[in-house]
Amino acid sequence: MEKLELKPALFLSFLRFVLYIPLSWVLVHLFSIFGLFVAAAYPIWWLFFPKSLVCFSCRSREDGQMCRLCHEKVLKSQGVEPKTLTSSLYNGLLVFMVTVLSVAVVFIERQVIESLGLIKVPKTVSFVIPDKSQYKIGEIFPMKIEISGVKTPINAVQADLAFDPEKIEVVDITTSESFANVFIQKEINNETGYSRLTGGLPHPGFDKESGVFGTVYFKSKSAGLTQVEFLPTSMVLANDGKGTNIIKEFPVISYIITSERVTTAEEELQNSVLGKEVLGTQDNPNQLVLFQDDVLGIDTEKLQGTIDAIAVIDKGVDWLLAIDTFIVTAYSKVLTFFGTISLK
C-alpha cells in the first residue's frame, strides 16, 4: 500500500489559502474605514510624491502593453507610478470603487450576523444580594431570588445555586411572591449542595425594573462562614425572540452562622410562623406548577470549560459586530449629512 504523502507545493497552497482568509477580512475592513481618505488623497499625494504611488493599470499589465489610465506603454523598469494627474484621479476612483465594495461586504456581513440571531440584547440583569447575613445554628432564614436591572422584558429565569451542605441546607423553595406564573423545575440536593428553580411567564414578559422570582429557605447546621453562589448556568432570558441570556454577573453571598443555637421556644415560633409557607409550599393559586421530582447535582468543574469556550465565542462575535456597526453607522451618518446639504 502506498503511503499518502502531502506534496510541499500543495501544502503551501493550502497554507496560503488559509492565511488569505483573515488577511482578506482585515483588508476589506481597513478599506471600509480608510478607503475614502486614500481615494481623496491619491491625486494630492501624486502632486508631491509621484514616485511613491502605484498605477493599478500599469501594475496589472506586461511590459509593452498600453496602460488605459496613463495612455502610455508600460515599462516596469522605469516604474509603475501614475504618469499624469488624470491617471492619479482615475486610480483614486478605483480606490473609491473598492471602498464602496468593501462597505457593501461589511453591510452584508452585519446583516448575516443579525439574521443568525447573534446580535444580543445588552447584559444588564443582576441578582440582588440580601442585606442580613448572620444567623444562629438551627435558624431557618429566607434568601429571595430577586433580580434587578431589567431593561428589556424577560420571560424565563433559571436560578442555580451552590452552597456548602456542611453548613446549611435548603428546607424548601417557594414561589408565592414570584412575578412568574409558570414553573417547570424545582430541584434540591442537600448532599451535593445544589438547588435550581426554573420558570417564567408568556409574552409580553416581565418588564419592571426589578422583581422577586422565588424564595429559598435555608436552615443553618453548623457554625462558621459559608457562601451561596449563583452558578454560571443561571439564566435570565430576554423576550426578544432569541432567548438571549442577559445576566451580567453571578454574585456570591456570604453568611455567618454563629455558634449560638436557637432555643426551643425560638424554634417553635419560627416553625409556627414559617411552617405553612416553607413546609407546606403554599404557592400562588394563579401559577401553573409543573415541578418534577428529580433531585440533581451539577459538576461545575466540567461545566466551566464549556462556559469559558462560549464566552470566548461571544466576545469574538461582539468584537466583530462592534467593528461592523461602527463602519455602517459612520457611513449612514455621512450619507445623512450630505443628503441634508443637498436638500438645503
Protein backbone atom coordinates (compact mmCIF):
# COMPACT_ATOMS: atom_id res chain seq x y z
CA MET A 1 0.00 0.00 0.00
CA GLU A 2 1.38 3.39 -0.99
CA LYS A 3 1.85 5.95 1.71
CA LEU A 4 -0.24 9.10 1.43
CA GLU A 5 2.24 11.93 1.04
CA LEU A 6 1.36 15.58 1.17
CA LYS A 7 3.22 17.38 -1.58
CA PRO A 8 5.05 20.51 -0.42
CA ALA A 9 3.56 22.65 -3.20
CA LEU A 10 0.03 21.52 -2.31
CA PHE A 11 0.65 22.14 1.38
CA LEU A 12 2.00 25.63 0.69
CA SER A 13 -1.01 26.42 -1.50
CA PHE A 14 -3.36 25.30 1.25
CA LEU A 15 -1.44 27.29 3.86
CA ARG A 16 -1.51 30.38 1.64
CA PHE A 17 -5.28 29.98 1.17
CA VAL A 18 -5.81 29.69 4.93
CA LEU A 19 -3.75 32.84 5.54
CA TYR A 20 -5.59 34.77 2.83
CA ILE A 21 -8.92 34.42 4.64
CA PRO A 22 -8.09 36.52 7.75
CA LEU A 23 -5.89 38.88 5.68
CA SER A 24 -8.75 39.46 3.24
CA TRP A 25 -11.10 40.18 6.15
CA VAL A 26 -8.63 42.72 7.55
CA LEU A 27 -8.12 44.41 4.16
CA VAL A 28 -11.86 44.69 3.50
CA HIS A 29 -12.47 46.35 6.86
CA LEU A 30 -9.44 48.63 6.53
CA PHE A 31 -10.66 49.78 3.12
CA SER A 32 -14.12 50.33 4.59
CA ILE A 33 -12.68 52.66 7.22
CA PHE A 34 -9.83 54.41 5.40
CA GLY A 35 -10.63 53.89 1.72
CA LEU A 36 -12.35 57.24 1.23
CA PHE A 37 -9.36 59.08 2.65
CA VAL A 38 -6.95 57.16 0.39
CA ALA A 39 -9.12 57.81 -2.68
CA ALA A 40 -9.33 61.55 -1.94
CA ALA A 41 -5.61 61.82 -1.16
CA TYR A 42 -4.38 59.88 -4.19
CA PRO A 43 -4.14 62.82 -6.62
CA ILE A 44 -2.86 65.13 -3.86
CA TRP A 45 -0.17 62.63 -2.92
CA TRP A 46 0.77 62.33 -6.61
CA LEU A 47 1.45 66.08 -6.80
CA PHE A 48 4.04 65.89 -4.02
CA PHE A 49 5.35 62.31 -4.13
CA PRO A 50 4.51 60.88 -7.56
CA LYS A 51 7.12 58.07 -7.38
CA SER A 52 5.61 56.66 -4.18
CA LEU A 53 2.25 55.73 -5.78
CA VAL A 54 1.22 52.83 -7.98
CA CYS A 55 -0.89 52.93 -11.11
CA PHE A 56 -3.05 49.85 -10.75
CA SER A 57 -3.46 49.51 -14.50
CA CYS A 58 0.31 49.63 -15.11
CA ARG A 59 0.88 47.18 -12.29
CA SER A 60 -1.50 44.65 -13.80
CA ARG A 61 -0.07 44.75 -17.35
CA GLU A 62 3.00 43.30 -19.01
CA ASP A 63 5.85 45.33 -20.47
CA GLY A 64 4.98 46.82 -23.85
CA GLN A 65 1.22 46.81 -23.24
CA MET A 66 -0.73 50.06 -23.23
CA CYS A 67 -1.92 51.42 -19.88
CA ARG A 68 -5.50 52.59 -20.27
CA LEU A 69 -5.19 55.12 -17.46
CA CYS A 70 -1.79 56.65 -18.31
CA HIS A 71 -2.19 56.18 -22.11
CA GLU A 72 1.44 55.11 -22.33
CA LYS A 73 3.26 51.83 -22.89
CA VAL A 74 4.17 50.03 -19.69
CA LEU A 75 7.90 49.82 -18.87
CA LYS A 76 8.13 48.39 -15.37
CA SER A 77 11.86 49.02 -15.24
CA GLN A 78 11.03 52.74 -15.30
CA GLY A 79 8.35 52.46 -12.59
CA VAL A 80 4.61 51.85 -12.48
CA GLU A 81 3.50 55.12 -10.88
CA PRO A 82 0.71 57.23 -12.45
CA LYS A 83 2.23 59.30 -15.27
CA THR A 84 -0.30 62.14 -15.23
CA LEU A 85 -2.65 63.90 -12.84
CA THR A 86 -5.59 62.45 -14.77
CA SER A 87 -4.18 58.97 -14.25
CA SER A 88 -3.89 59.62 -10.50
CA LEU A 89 -7.52 60.75 -10.44
CA TYR A 90 -8.59 57.54 -12.19
CA ASN A 91 -6.59 55.47 -9.70
CA GLY A 92 -8.24 57.35 -6.84
CA LEU A 93 -11.59 56.49 -8.42
CA LEU A 94 -10.59 52.81 -8.45
CA VAL A 95 -9.77 53.02 -4.75
CA PHE A 96 -13.18 54.63 -4.16
CA MET A 97 -14.92 51.79 -6.03
CA VAL A 98 -13.06 49.19 -3.96
CA THR A 99 -14.09 51.11 -0.83
CA VAL A 100 -17.76 51.05 -1.84
CA LEU A 101 -17.50 47.32 -2.49
CA SER A 102 -15.83 46.79 0.91
CA VAL A 103 -18.57 48.75 2.69
CA ALA A 104 -21.17 46.60 0.91
CA VAL A 105 -19.40 43.44 2.11
CA VAL A 106 -19.31 44.77 5.69
CA PHE A 107 -23.00 45.66 5.49
CA ILE A 108 -23.85 42.15 4.24
CA GLU A 109 -21.69 40.66 6.98
CA ARG A 110 -23.62 42.59 9.61
CA GLN A 111 -26.95 41.53 8.09
CA VAL A 112 -25.86 37.89 8.20
CA ILE A 113 -24.86 38.22 11.87
CA GLU A 114 -28.24 39.81 12.63
CA SER A 115 -30.19 37.17 10.68
CA LEU A 116 -28.38 34.40 12.59
CA GLY A 117 -29.55 35.95 15.85
CA LEU A 118 -26.04 36.78 17.05
CA ILE A 119 -26.84 40.42 17.84
CA LYS A 120 -27.56 40.31 21.53
CA VAL A 121 -29.54 42.33 23.97
CA PRO A 122 -27.15 44.06 26.42
CA LYS A 123 -26.46 42.14 29.63
CA THR A 124 -27.98 44.35 32.34
CA VAL A 125 -29.63 41.99 34.85
CA SER A 126 -28.12 41.18 38.25
CA PHE A 127 -29.20 39.04 41.18
CA VAL A 128 -29.75 41.14 44.30
CA ILE A 129 -27.57 40.31 47.33
CA PRO A 130 -29.55 40.21 50.63
CA ASP A 131 -28.61 42.60 53.44
CA LYS A 132 -28.80 40.40 56.54
CA SER A 133 -26.07 37.77 56.71
CA GLN A 134 -25.85 36.43 60.30
CA TYR A 135 -27.92 33.59 61.78
CA LYS A 136 -27.91 31.10 64.64
CA ILE A 137 -27.49 27.33 64.33
CA GLY A 138 -30.88 25.77 63.59
CA GLU A 139 -32.37 29.03 62.33
CA ILE A 140 -34.46 28.95 59.16
CA PHE A 141 -33.89 32.03 57.04
CA PRO A 142 -35.09 33.15 53.59
CA MET A 143 -32.95 34.21 50.65
CA LYS A 144 -35.04 35.91 47.99
CA ILE A 145 -34.02 35.23 44.40
CA GLU A 146 -34.51 38.80 43.29
CA ILE A 147 -33.35 40.33 40.01
CA SER A 148 -32.75 43.97 39.11
CA GLY A 149 -31.62 45.97 36.11
CA VAL A 150 -34.31 44.71 33.73
CA LYS A 151 -34.11 46.97 30.66
CA THR A 152 -35.65 44.51 28.19
CA PRO A 153 -38.75 42.40 29.02
CA ILE A 154 -37.87 38.88 30.19
CA ASN A 155 -39.91 35.69 30.03
CA ALA A 156 -37.78 32.96 31.61
CA VAL A 157 -35.49 32.59 34.62
CA GLN A 158 -33.34 29.74 35.84
CA ALA A 159 -31.64 30.22 39.21
CA ASP A 160 -28.94 27.65 40.01
CA LEU A 161 -27.42 27.87 43.48
CA ALA A 162 -24.43 26.14 45.06
CA PHE A 163 -23.89 26.05 48.82
CA ASP A 164 -21.89 24.21 51.49
CA PRO A 165 -24.08 21.31 52.68
CA GLU A 166 -21.97 21.01 55.84
CA LYS A 167 -23.01 24.50 56.96
CA ILE A 168 -26.54 24.97 55.61
CA GLU A 169 -29.32 23.04 53.88
CA VAL A 170 -32.32 24.01 51.78
CA VAL A 171 -35.62 23.44 53.56
CA ASP A 172 -37.74 24.44 50.56
CA ILE A 173 -38.11 26.86 47.66
CA THR A 174 -41.33 28.84 47.41
CA THR A 175 -42.79 30.92 44.58
CA SER A 176 -45.79 32.63 46.20
CA GLU A 177 -44.29 36.11 45.70
CA SER A 178 -42.90 35.43 42.23
CA PHE A 179 -43.61 37.57 39.17
CA ALA A 180 -43.53 34.34 37.14
CA ASN A 181 -46.67 32.25 36.69
CA VAL A 182 -45.31 29.05 35.13
CA PHE A 183 -42.73 26.83 36.86
CA ILE A 184 -41.17 23.68 35.41
CA GLN A 185 -38.29 22.80 37.73
CA LYS A 186 -37.58 22.85 41.44
CA GLU A 187 -34.60 20.75 42.37
CA ILE A 188 -32.93 20.43 45.77
CA ASN A 189 -29.90 18.33 46.62
CA ASN A 190 -28.65 18.82 50.16
CA GLU A 191 -25.99 16.15 49.71
CA THR A 192 -24.05 17.96 47.00
CA GLY A 193 -25.20 21.49 47.90
CA TYR A 194 -27.21 22.40 44.82
CA SER A 195 -30.64 23.82 44.03
CA ARG A 196 -32.46 25.01 40.93
CA LEU A 197 -35.66 26.94 40.27
CA THR A 198 -36.84 27.38 36.68
CA GLY A 199 -39.90 29.24 35.48
CA GLY A 200 -41.21 32.18 33.56
CA LEU A 201 -44.20 33.90 32.03
CA PRO A 202 -45.55 34.26 28.49
CA HIS A 203 -45.37 37.25 26.14
CA PRO A 204 -45.04 40.19 26.72
CA GLY A 205 -42.98 39.02 29.69
CA PHE A 206 -41.87 40.82 32.84
CA ASP A 207 -40.88 44.45 32.14
CA LYS A 208 -40.43 46.04 35.57
CA GLU A 209 -37.01 47.21 36.79
CA SER A 210 -36.81 44.52 39.49
CA GLY A 211 -38.80 41.67 40.95
CA VAL A 212 -38.76 38.53 43.10
CA PHE A 213 -38.57 35.23 41.25
CA GLY A 214 -38.63 32.88 44.23
CA THR A 215 -37.50 32.41 47.81
CA VAL A 216 -35.05 29.78 49.04
CA TYR A 217 -35.37 28.84 52.72
CA PHE A 218 -32.11 27.70 54.27
CA LYS A 219 -31.56 26.12 57.66
CA SER A 220 -28.20 26.62 59.34
CA LYS A 221 -26.44 23.45 60.52
CA SER A 222 -23.02 24.39 61.91
CA ALA A 223 -21.08 27.49 62.88
CA GLY A 224 -18.73 29.29 60.52
CA LEU A 225 -18.61 31.41 57.39
CA THR A 226 -20.49 29.96 54.45
CA GLN A 227 -21.35 31.12 50.96
CA VAL A 228 -24.18 30.72 48.49
CA GLU A 229 -23.25 31.37 44.86
CA PHE A 230 -25.28 31.76 41.71
CA LEU A 231 -23.80 29.31 39.21
CA PRO A 232 -22.93 30.32 35.62
CA THR A 233 -25.73 28.02 34.44
CA SER A 234 -28.23 30.53 35.83
CA MET A 235 -30.21 32.35 33.15
CA VAL A 236 -32.48 35.33 32.70
CA LEU A 237 -33.79 35.16 29.15
CA ALA A 238 -34.96 38.24 27.28
CA ASN A 239 -38.28 38.22 25.47
CA ASP A 240 -36.52 39.06 22.19
CA GLY A 241 -37.47 36.02 20.17
CA LYS A 242 -33.96 34.57 20.61
CA GLY A 243 -33.87 33.78 24.30
CA THR A 244 -30.80 35.92 24.96
CA ASN A 245 -29.30 35.41 28.42
CA ILE A 246 -28.90 38.93 29.83
CA ILE A 247 -27.31 38.18 33.21
CA LYS A 248 -24.16 40.28 33.56
CA GLU A 249 -22.73 38.71 36.74
CA PHE A 250 -23.11 35.79 39.13
CA PRO A 251 -22.81 37.03 42.72
CA VAL A 252 -21.58 35.15 45.78
CA ILE A 253 -23.49 35.73 49.04
CA SER A 254 -21.74 35.28 52.39
CA TYR A 255 -23.49 34.22 55.60
CA ILE A 256 -22.12 33.97 59.12
CA ILE A 257 -23.50 31.14 61.23
CA THR A 258 -22.81 31.89 64.87
CA SER A 259 -22.12 29.21 67.48
CA GLU A 260 -25.29 30.20 69.32
CA ARG A 261 -28.20 27.81 68.82
CA VAL A 262 -31.85 28.71 68.52
CA THR A 263 -33.79 27.95 71.69
CA THR A 264 -36.70 25.52 71.78
CA ALA A 265 -39.08 28.46 72.05
CA GLU A 266 -37.48 30.23 69.08
CA GLU A 267 -37.63 27.04 67.03
CA GLU A 268 -41.30 26.54 67.79
CA LEU A 269 -42.01 30.16 66.95
CA GLN A 270 -40.23 30.08 63.59
CA ASN A 271 -41.91 26.79 62.71
CA SER A 272 -45.35 28.22 63.52
CA VAL A 273 -44.68 31.40 61.52
CA LEU A 274 -42.87 29.82 58.57
CA GLY A 275 -44.21 26.29 58.66
CA LYS A 276 -47.24 26.92 56.48
CA GLU A 277 -45.25 28.65 53.75
CA VAL A 278 -41.97 26.76 53.98
CA LEU A 279 -43.03 23.23 54.76
CA GLY A 280 -46.40 23.36 53.04
CA THR A 281 -45.23 25.15 49.87
CA GLN A 282 -48.38 27.27 49.74
CA ASP A 283 -47.83 28.95 46.37
CA ASN A 284 -49.92 31.38 44.35
CA PRO A 285 -53.03 29.55 43.03
CA ASN A 286 -52.77 31.52 39.78
CA GLN A 287 -49.44 29.89 38.99
CA LEU A 288 -49.04 26.78 36.86
CA VAL A 289 -46.58 24.49 38.66
CA LEU A 290 -45.11 21.55 36.74
CA PHE A 291 -42.34 20.61 39.17
CA GLN A 292 -40.55 17.32 38.59
CA ASP A 293 -39.38 15.10 41.41
CA ASP A 294 -35.78 14.84 40.17
CA VAL A 295 -33.07 15.73 42.66
CA LEU A 296 -29.96 16.60 40.71
CA GLY A 297 -26.49 17.93 41.26
CA ILE A 298 -24.13 19.68 38.88
CA ASP A 299 -20.45 19.22 38.10
CA THR A 300 -19.30 22.85 37.96
CA GLU A 301 -15.73 21.96 37.02
CA LYS A 302 -16.73 20.12 33.85
CA LEU A 303 -19.26 22.81 33.05
CA GLN A 304 -16.75 25.65 33.39
CA GLY A 305 -14.76 24.64 30.30
CA THR A 306 -17.86 24.82 28.11
CA ILE A 307 -18.87 28.13 29.67
CA ASP A 308 -15.40 29.60 29.03
CA ALA A 309 -15.45 28.46 25.40
CA ILE A 310 -18.88 30.02 24.84
CA ALA A 311 -17.65 33.24 26.48
CA VAL A 312 -14.70 33.42 24.06
CA ILE A 313 -17.01 32.95 21.07
CA ASP A 314 -19.41 35.57 22.43
CA LYS A 315 -16.58 38.08 22.83
CA GLY A 316 -15.40 37.40 19.28
CA VAL A 317 -18.88 37.95 17.87
CA ASP A 318 -19.34 41.10 19.97
CA TRP A 319 -15.98 42.44 18.75
CA LEU A 320 -16.83 41.68 15.11
CA LEU A 321 -20.27 43.23 15.47
CA ALA A 322 -18.83 46.35 17.10
CA ILE A 323 -16.50 46.91 14.12
CA ASP A 324 -19.26 46.35 11.57
CA THR A 325 -21.69 48.57 13.47
CA PHE A 326 -19.10 51.35 13.69
CA ILE A 327 -18.46 51.25 9.92
CA VAL A 328 -22.12 51.03 8.90
CA THR A 329 -23.15 53.75 11.35
CA ALA A 330 -20.35 56.07 10.21
CA TYR A 331 -21.33 55.79 6.54
CA SER A 332 -25.01 56.22 7.42
CA LYS A 333 -24.19 59.49 9.16
CA VAL A 334 -22.05 60.64 6.22
CA LEU A 335 -24.86 59.92 3.75
CA THR A 336 -27.39 61.64 6.03
CA PHE A 337 -25.09 64.68 6.29
CA PHE A 338 -24.67 65.03 2.54
CA GLY A 339 -28.35 64.34 2.00
CA THR A 340 -29.20 67.21 4.36
CA ILE A 341 -26.82 69.53 2.49
CA SER A 342 -28.36 68.64 -0.89
CA LEU A 343 -31.85 69.25 0.44
CA LYS A 344 -30.83 72.67 1.67
